[in-house]
Amino acid sequence: LLLGGNAAGDLKLKPMLVYRSQNPRALKRVSRRDPPVLWRSNPKAWVTRVLGDWFTNFFCPSVEEYCLGKGLEFKALLLLDNASGHPTGLSQLNENVKVIFLPANTTSLIQPMDQGVIATFKAYYLRKTMAQAIEETSEKGISSETFWKDYNILRVVENIGAAWAEVSAHNMRAVWKHILPHCAIQDTD
């Protein structure tokens, strides 16, 4: 799962989910008109294999549209962790986007998303999933084993969408004050 957004907190990118199957059985009868995630398939379910496609076909157009809507010049900085499989030539794919890979073994210390956004997202996702488990086991009387057996990729996608929607602009902005305090946007709420 790839999560991203801007320092102002007013652009949260649709999460990209990499899954081993292009057409899982659980999604056969589900409309894919506007899913809560970008769906990418890779037999080994590695984000690194589909990052170039995401960058070219989703990230750059989304940021360009955002900039256009705000009356800003299309210039962006994309910070990525230093995973060995990430394509190093991403910056060459769009002259308006500079890609910087964080130094090795520093992701948990200086990557903005790791400074609270991902933890917040995970907490919302876990809360939603556990609430479903409690509701179905206590109110509907199904066993927890049955709940988890039936917990499929459709529910995962729905819960990802719900959890990501709960992550606030305030939360997105707050992570920058620890890393680049002089560039952080101060909250007025």
C-alpha atoms as a PDB file:
ATOM      1  CA  LEU A   1       0.000   0.000   0.000  1.00  0.00           C
ATOM      2  CA  LEU A   2       1.384   3.393  -0.989  1.00  0.00           C
ATOM      3  CA  LEU A   3       0.067   6.505   0.760  1.00  0.00           C
ATOM      4  CA  GLY A   4       0.959  10.065  -0.153  1.00  0.00           C
ATOM      5  CA  GLY A   5      -0.013  13.693   0.066  1.00  0.00           C
ATOM      6  CA  ASN A   6       1.353  17.198   0.180  1.00  0.00           C
ATOM      7  CA  ALA A   7       2.735  19.296   3.025  1.00  0.00           C
ATOM      8  CA  ALA A   8      -0.252  21.669   2.940  1.00  0.00           C
ATOM      9  CA  GLY A   9      -2.514  18.721   3.729  1.00  0.00           C
ATOM     10  CA  ASP A  10      -5.035  19.624   1.039  1.00  0.00           C
ATOM     11  CA  LEU A  11      -3.945  16.954  -1.439  1.00  0.00           C
ATOM     12  CA  LYS A  12      -4.207  13.363  -0.334  1.00  0.00           C
ATOM     13  CA  LEU A  13      -3.414  10.996  -3.164  1.00  0.00           C
ATOM     14  CA  LYS A  14      -5.628   7.985  -3.673  1.00  0.00           C
ATOM     15  CA  PRO A  15      -3.805   5.059  -2.015  1.00  0.00           C
ATOM     16  CA  MET A  16      -2.202   2.594  -4.401  1.00  0.00           C
ATOM     17  CA  LEU A  17      -2.775  -1.032  -3.470  1.00  0.00           C
ATOM     18  CA  VAL A  18      -0.563  -3.657  -5.059  1.00  0.00           C
ATOM     19  CA  TYR A  19      -2.128  -7.088  -4.975  1.00  0.00           C
ATOM     20  CA  ARG A  20      -1.073 -10.396  -6.443  1.00  0.00           C
ATOM     21  CA  SER A  21      -4.199 -10.815  -8.587  1.00  0.00           C
ATOM     22  CA  GLN A  22      -5.639  -8.478 -11.215  1.00  0.00           C
ATOM     23  CA  ASN A  23      -9.191  -9.775 -10.777  1.00  0.00           C
ATOM     24  CA  PRO A  24      -9.765 -11.282  -7.315  1.00  0.00           C
ATOM     25  CA  ARG A  25     -12.889 -13.369  -6.926  1.00  0.00           C
ATOM     26  CA  ALA A  26     -14.196 -11.093  -4.147  1.00  0.00           C
ATOM     27  CA  LEU A  27     -14.327  -8.160  -6.594  1.00  0.00           C
ATOM     28  CA  LYS A  28     -16.003  -9.949  -9.507  1.00  0.00           C
ATOM     29  CA  ARG A  29     -19.430  -8.327  -9.069  1.00  0.00           C
ATOM     30  CA  VAL A  30     -18.211  -4.996  -7.736  1.00  0.00           C
ATOM     31  CA  SER A  31     -18.265  -1.828  -9.818  1.00  0.00           C
ATOM     32  CA  ARG A  32     -14.783  -0.450 -10.357  1.00  0.00           C
ATOM     33  CA  ARG A  33     -15.963   2.965 -11.517  1.00  0.00           C
ATOM     34  CA  ASP A  34     -14.421   4.938  -8.658  1.00  0.00           C
ATOM     35  CA  PRO A  35     -12.665   2.563  -6.278  1.00  0.00           C
ATOM     36  CA  PRO A  36     -11.170   3.959  -3.059  1.00  0.00           C
ATOM     37  CA  VAL A  37      -7.721   2.704  -4.136  1.00  0.00           C
ATOM     38  CA  LEU A  38      -5.625   2.579  -7.277  1.00  0.00           C
ATOM     39  CA  TRP A  39      -5.444  -1.101  -8.074  1.00  0.00           C
ATOM     40  CA  ARG A  40      -2.193  -2.501  -9.422  1.00  0.00           C
ATOM     41  CA  SER A  41      -1.423  -6.173  -9.743  1.00  0.00           C
ATOM     42  CA  ASN A  42       1.910  -7.884  -9.430  1.00  0.00           C
ATOM     43  CA  PRO A  43       2.297 -11.616  -8.797  1.00  0.00           C
ATOM     44  CA  LYS A  44       4.690 -10.918  -5.920  1.00  0.00           C
ATOM     45  CA  ALA A  45       2.675  -7.907  -4.703  1.00  0.00           C
ATOM     46  CA  TRP A  46       5.677  -5.552  -4.692  1.00  0.00           C
ATOM     47  CA  VAL A  47       5.090  -1.806  -4.873  1.00  0.00           C
ATOM     48  CA  THR A  48       8.530  -1.291  -6.392  1.00  0.00           C
ATOM     49  CA  ARG A  49       7.538  -3.093  -9.604  1.00  0.00           C
ATOM     50  CA  VAL A  50       4.698  -0.697 -10.395  1.00  0.00           C
ATOM     51  CA  LEU A  51       6.138   2.568  -9.071  1.00  0.00           C
ATOM     52  CA  GLY A  52       7.141   3.928 -12.499  1.00  0.00           C
ATOM     53  CA  ASP A  53       3.621   3.424 -13.846  1.00  0.00           C
ATOM     54  CA  TRP A  54       2.141   5.086 -10.737  1.00  0.00           C
ATOM     55  CA  PHE A  55       4.545   8.026 -11.048  1.00  0.00           C
ATOM     56  CA  THR A  56       3.842   8.650 -14.738  1.00  0.00           C
ATOM     57  CA  ASN A  57       0.143   7.870 -14.945  1.00  0.00           C
ATOM     58  CA  PHE A  58      -1.146   8.978 -11.554  1.00  0.00           C
ATOM     59  CA  PHE A  59       1.243  11.031  -9.422  1.00  0.00           C
ATOM     60  CA  CYS A  60       2.360  13.548 -12.064  1.00  0.00           C
ATOM     61  CA  PRO A  61      -1.137  14.137 -13.524  1.00  0.00           C
ATOM     62  CA  SER A  62      -2.649  14.477 -10.017  1.00  0.00           C
ATOM     63  CA  VAL A  63      -0.050  16.994  -8.895  1.00  0.00           C
ATOM     64  CA  GLU A  64      -0.291  18.914 -12.167  1.00  0.00           C
ATOM     65  CA  GLU A  65      -4.092  19.136 -11.806  1.00  0.00           C
ATOM     66  CA  TYR A  66      -3.702  20.268  -8.187  1.00  0.00           C
ATOM     67  CA  CYS A  67      -1.219  22.983  -9.173  1.00  0.00           C
ATOM     68  CA  LEU A  68      -3.437  24.157 -12.026  1.00  0.00           C
ATOM     69  CA  GLY A  69      -6.428  24.385  -9.670  1.00  0.00           C
ATOM     70  CA  LYS A  70      -4.395  26.437  -7.183  1.00  0.00           C
ATOM     71  CA  GLY A  71      -2.869  28.700  -9.858  1.00  0.00           C
ATOM     72  CA  LEU A  72       0.600  27.347  -9.097  1.00  0.00           C
ATOM     73  CA  GLU A  73       3.430  26.460 -11.430  1.00  0.00           C
ATOM     74  CA  PHE A  74       3.679  22.687 -11.843  1.00  0.00           C
ATOM     75  CA  LYS A  75       6.804  21.941  -9.803  1.00  0.00           C
ATOM     76  CA  ALA A  76       6.946  19.168  -7.246  1.00  0.00           C
ATOM     77  CA  LEU A  77       9.298  17.330  -4.960  1.00  0.00           C
ATOM     78  CA  LEU A  78       8.619  13.646  -4.333  1.00  0.00           C
ATOM     79  CA  LEU A  79      10.305  12.093  -1.294  1.00  0.00           C
ATOM     80  CA  LEU A  80      10.643   8.310  -1.373  1.00  0.00           C
ATOM     81  CA  ASP A  81      12.258   5.835   0.929  1.00  0.00           C
ATOM     82  CA  ASN A  82      15.448   4.147  -0.187  1.00  0.00           C
ATOM     83  CA  ALA A  83      14.064   0.707  -1.078  1.00  0.00           C
ATOM     84  CA  SER A  84      16.531  -1.113  -3.286  1.00  0.00           C
ATOM     85  CA  GLY A  85      13.900  -1.931  -5.906  1.00  0.00           C
ATOM     86  CA  HIS A  86      12.701   1.629  -6.515  1.00  0.00           C
ATOM     87  CA  PRO A  87      13.470   2.819 -10.035  1.00  0.00           C
ATOM     88  CA  THR A  88      16.227   5.413  -9.777  1.00  0.00           C
ATOM     89  CA  GLY A  89      15.334   7.202 -13.003  1.00  0.00           C
ATOM     90  CA  LEU A  90      11.940   8.569 -11.951  1.00  0.00           C
ATOM     91  CA  SER A  91      13.145  12.199 -12.147  1.00  0.00           C
ATOM     92  CA  GLN A  92      13.905  11.719 -15.834  1.00  0.00           C
ATOM     93  CA  LEU A  93      10.268  10.829 -16.528  1.00  0.00           C
ATOM     94  CA  ASN A  94       8.979  14.340 -15.800  1.00  0.00           C
ATOM     95  CA  GLU A  95      11.065  17.505 -15.794  1.00  0.00           C
ATOM     96  CA  ASN A  96       8.684  19.230 -13.361  1.00  0.00           C
ATOM     97  CA  VAL A  97       9.087  16.654 -10.601  1.00  0.00           C
ATOM     98  CA  LYS A  98      12.275  16.160  -8.643  1.00  0.00           C
ATOM     99  CA  VAL A  99      12.519  12.802  -6.918  1.00  0.00           C
ATOM    100  CA  ILE A 100      14.691  12.491  -3.828  1.00  0.00           C
ATOM    101  CA  PHE A 101      15.438   9.175  -2.194  1.00  0.00           C
ATOM    102  CA  LEU A 102      15.980   9.434   1.532  1.00  0.00           C
ATOM    103  CA  PRO A 103      19.263   8.108   2.920  1.00  0.00           C
ATOM    104  CA  ALA A 104      19.339   4.433   3.877  1.00  0.00           C
ATOM    105  CA  ASN A 105      18.003   3.527   7.322  1.00  0.00           C
ATOM    106  CA  THR A 106      16.466   6.963   7.939  1.00  0.00           C
ATOM    107  CA  THR A 107      12.909   6.425   6.734  1.00  0.00           C
ATOM    108  CA  SER A 108      11.418   6.065  10.211  1.00  0.00           C
ATOM    109  CA  LEU A 109      13.277   9.186  11.343  1.00  0.00           C
ATOM    110  CA  ILE A 110      12.748  11.700   8.537  1.00  0.00           C
ATOM    111  CA  GLN A 111      10.122  10.469   6.078  1.00  0.00           C
ATOM    112  CA  PRO A 112       7.098  12.736   6.567  1.00  0.00           C
ATOM    113  CA  MET A 113       4.508   9.989   6.123  1.00  0.00           C
ATOM    114  CA  ASP A 114       6.266   7.897   8.777  1.00  0.00           C
ATOM    115  CA  GLN A 115       6.062  10.763  11.263  1.00  0.00           C
ATOM    116  CA  GLY A 116       2.431  10.130  12.082  1.00  0.00           C
ATOM    117  CA  VAL A 117       0.314   9.856   8.947  1.00  0.00           C
ATOM    118  CA  ILE A 118       0.856   6.129   8.408  1.00  0.00           C
ATOM    119  CA  ALA A 119       0.360   5.352  12.105  1.00  0.00           C
ATOM    120  CA  THR A 120      -2.866   7.360  12.122  1.00  0.00           C
ATOM    121  CA  PHE A 121      -4.084   5.588   8.982  1.00  0.00           C
ATOM    122  CA  LYS A 122      -3.276   2.182  10.493  1.00  0.00           C
ATOM    123  CA  ALA A 123      -5.144   3.062  13.688  1.00  0.00           C
ATOM    124  CA  TYR A 124      -8.251   4.091  11.726  1.00  0.00           C
ATOM    125  CA  TYR A 125      -8.034   0.956   9.576  1.00  0.00           C
ATOM    126  CA  LEU A 126      -7.641  -1.302  12.613  1.00  0.00           C
ATOM    127  CA  ARG A 127     -10.481   0.440  14.468  1.00  0.00           C
ATOM    128  CA  LYS A 128     -12.834  -0.039  11.491  1.00  0.00           C
ATOM    129  CA  THR A 129     -11.861  -3.686  11.014  1.00  0.00           C
ATOM    130  CA  MET A 130     -12.162  -4.538  14.708  1.00  0.00           C
ATOM    131  CA  ALA A 131     -15.543  -2.787  14.927  1.00  0.00           C
ATOM    132  CA  GLN A 132     -16.741  -4.995  12.074  1.00  0.00           C
ATOM    133  CA  ALA A 133     -15.384  -8.088  13.810  1.00  0.00           C
ATOM    134  CA  ILE A 134     -17.084  -7.194  17.087  1.00  0.00           C
ATOM    135  CA  GLU A 135     -20.371  -6.357  15.394  1.00  0.00           C
ATOM    136  CA  GLU A 136     -20.498  -9.562  13.388  1.00  0.00           C
ATOM    137  CA  THR A 137     -19.369 -11.866  16.173  1.00  0.00           C
ATOM    138  CA  SER A 138     -21.457 -10.379  18.987  1.00  0.00           C
ATOM    139  CA  GLU A 139     -24.530  -9.075  17.192  1.00  0.00           C
ATOM    140  CA  LYS A 140     -24.823 -11.533  14.326  1.00  0.00           C
ATOM    141  CA  GLY A 141     -23.480 -14.487  16.265  1.00  0.00           C
ATOM    142  CA  ILE A 142     -20.885 -15.662  13.782  1.00  0.00           C
ATOM    143  CA  SER A 143     -17.632 -17.067  15.089  1.00  0.00           C
ATOM    144  CA  SER A 144     -14.449 -15.015  14.910  1.00  0.00           C
ATOM    145  CA  GLU A 145     -12.968 -17.795  12.795  1.00  0.00           C
ATOM    146  CA  THR A 146     -15.794 -17.362  10.266  1.00  0.00           C
ATOM    147  CA  PHE A 147     -15.378 -13.573  10.319  1.00  0.00           C
ATOM    148  CA  TRP A 148     -11.673 -13.782   9.479  1.00  0.00           C
ATOM    149  CA  LYS A 149     -12.237 -16.521   6.915  1.00  0.00           C
ATOM    150  CA  ASP A 150     -14.751 -14.263   5.151  1.00  0.00           C
ATOM    151  CA  TYR A 151     -12.636 -11.108   5.509  1.00  0.00           C
ATOM    152  CA  ASN A 152     -11.646 -10.674   1.871  1.00  0.00           C
ATOM    153  CA  ILE A 153      -9.910  -8.133  -0.342  1.00  0.00           C
ATOM    154  CA  LEU A 154     -13.182  -6.281  -0.961  1.00  0.00           C
ATOM    155  CA  ARG A 155     -13.499  -5.494   2.752  1.00  0.00           C
ATOM    156  CA  VAL A 156      -9.820  -4.569   2.874  1.00  0.00           C
ATOM    157  CA  VAL A 157     -10.271  -2.077   0.020  1.00  0.00           C
ATOM    158  CA  GLU A 158     -13.396  -0.593   1.602  1.00  0.00           C
ATOM    159  CA  ASN A 159     -11.654  -0.229   4.970  1.00  0.00           C
ATOM    160  CA  ILE A 160      -8.573   1.328   3.359  1.00  0.00           C
ATOM    161  CA  GLY A 161     -10.810   3.921   1.704  1.00  0.00           C
ATOM    162  CA  ALA A 162     -12.665   4.677   4.930  1.00  0.00           C
ATOM    163  CA  ALA A 163      -9.477   4.916   7.001  1.00  0.00           C
ATOM    164  CA  TRP A 164      -7.693   7.160   4.479  1.00  0.00           C
ATOM    165  CA  ALA A 165     -10.731   9.461   4.335  1.00  0.00           C
ATOM    166  CA  GLU A 166     -10.469   9.918   8.129  1.00  0.00           C
ATOM    167  CA  VAL A 167      -6.847  11.134   7.980  1.00  0.00           C
ATOM    168  CA  SER A 168      -7.242  14.899   8.279  1.00  0.00           C
ATOM    169  CA  ALA A 169      -5.463  17.775   6.583  1.00  0.00           C
ATOM    170  CA  HIS A 170      -4.276  18.785  10.056  1.00  0.00           C
ATOM    171  CA  ASN A 171      -2.607  15.392  10.458  1.00  0.00           C
ATOM    172  CA  MET A 172      -1.005  15.671   7.012  1.00  0.00           C
ATOM    173  CA  ARG A 173       0.404  19.132   7.874  1.00  0.00           C
ATOM    174  CA  ALA A 174       1.533  18.268  11.387  1.00  0.00           C
ATOM    175  CA  VAL A 175       4.226  15.833  10.297  1.00  0.00           C
ATOM    176  CA  TRP A 176       6.219  18.580   8.588  1.00  0.00           C
ATOM    177  CA  LYS A 177       6.764  20.638  11.731  1.00  0.00           C
ATOM    178  CA  HIS A 178       9.122  17.962  13.065  1.00  0.00           C
ATOM    179  CA  ILE A 179      11.149  17.610   9.879  1.00  0.00           C
ATOM    180  CA  LEU A 180      11.143  21.085   8.321  1.00  0.00           C
ATOM    181  CA  PRO A 181       9.731  23.446  10.956  1.00  0.00           C
ATOM    182  CA  HIS A 182      10.552  26.580   8.948  1.00  0.00           C
ATOM    183  CA  CYS A 183       8.482  25.267   6.000  1.00  0.00           C
ATOM    184  CA  ALA A 184       5.579  23.876   7.992  1.00  0.00           C
ATOM    185  CA  ILE A 185       2.177  25.440   7.488  1.00  0.00           C
ATOM    186  CA  GLN A 186       0.780  26.586  10.806  1.00  0.00           C
ATOM    187  CA  ASP A 187      -2.695  25.354  11.681  1.00  0.00           C
ATOM    188  CA  THR A 188      -5.318  27.980  12.299  1.00  0.00           C
ATOM    189  CA  ASP A 189      -8.002  25.501  13.427  1.00  0.00           C
END
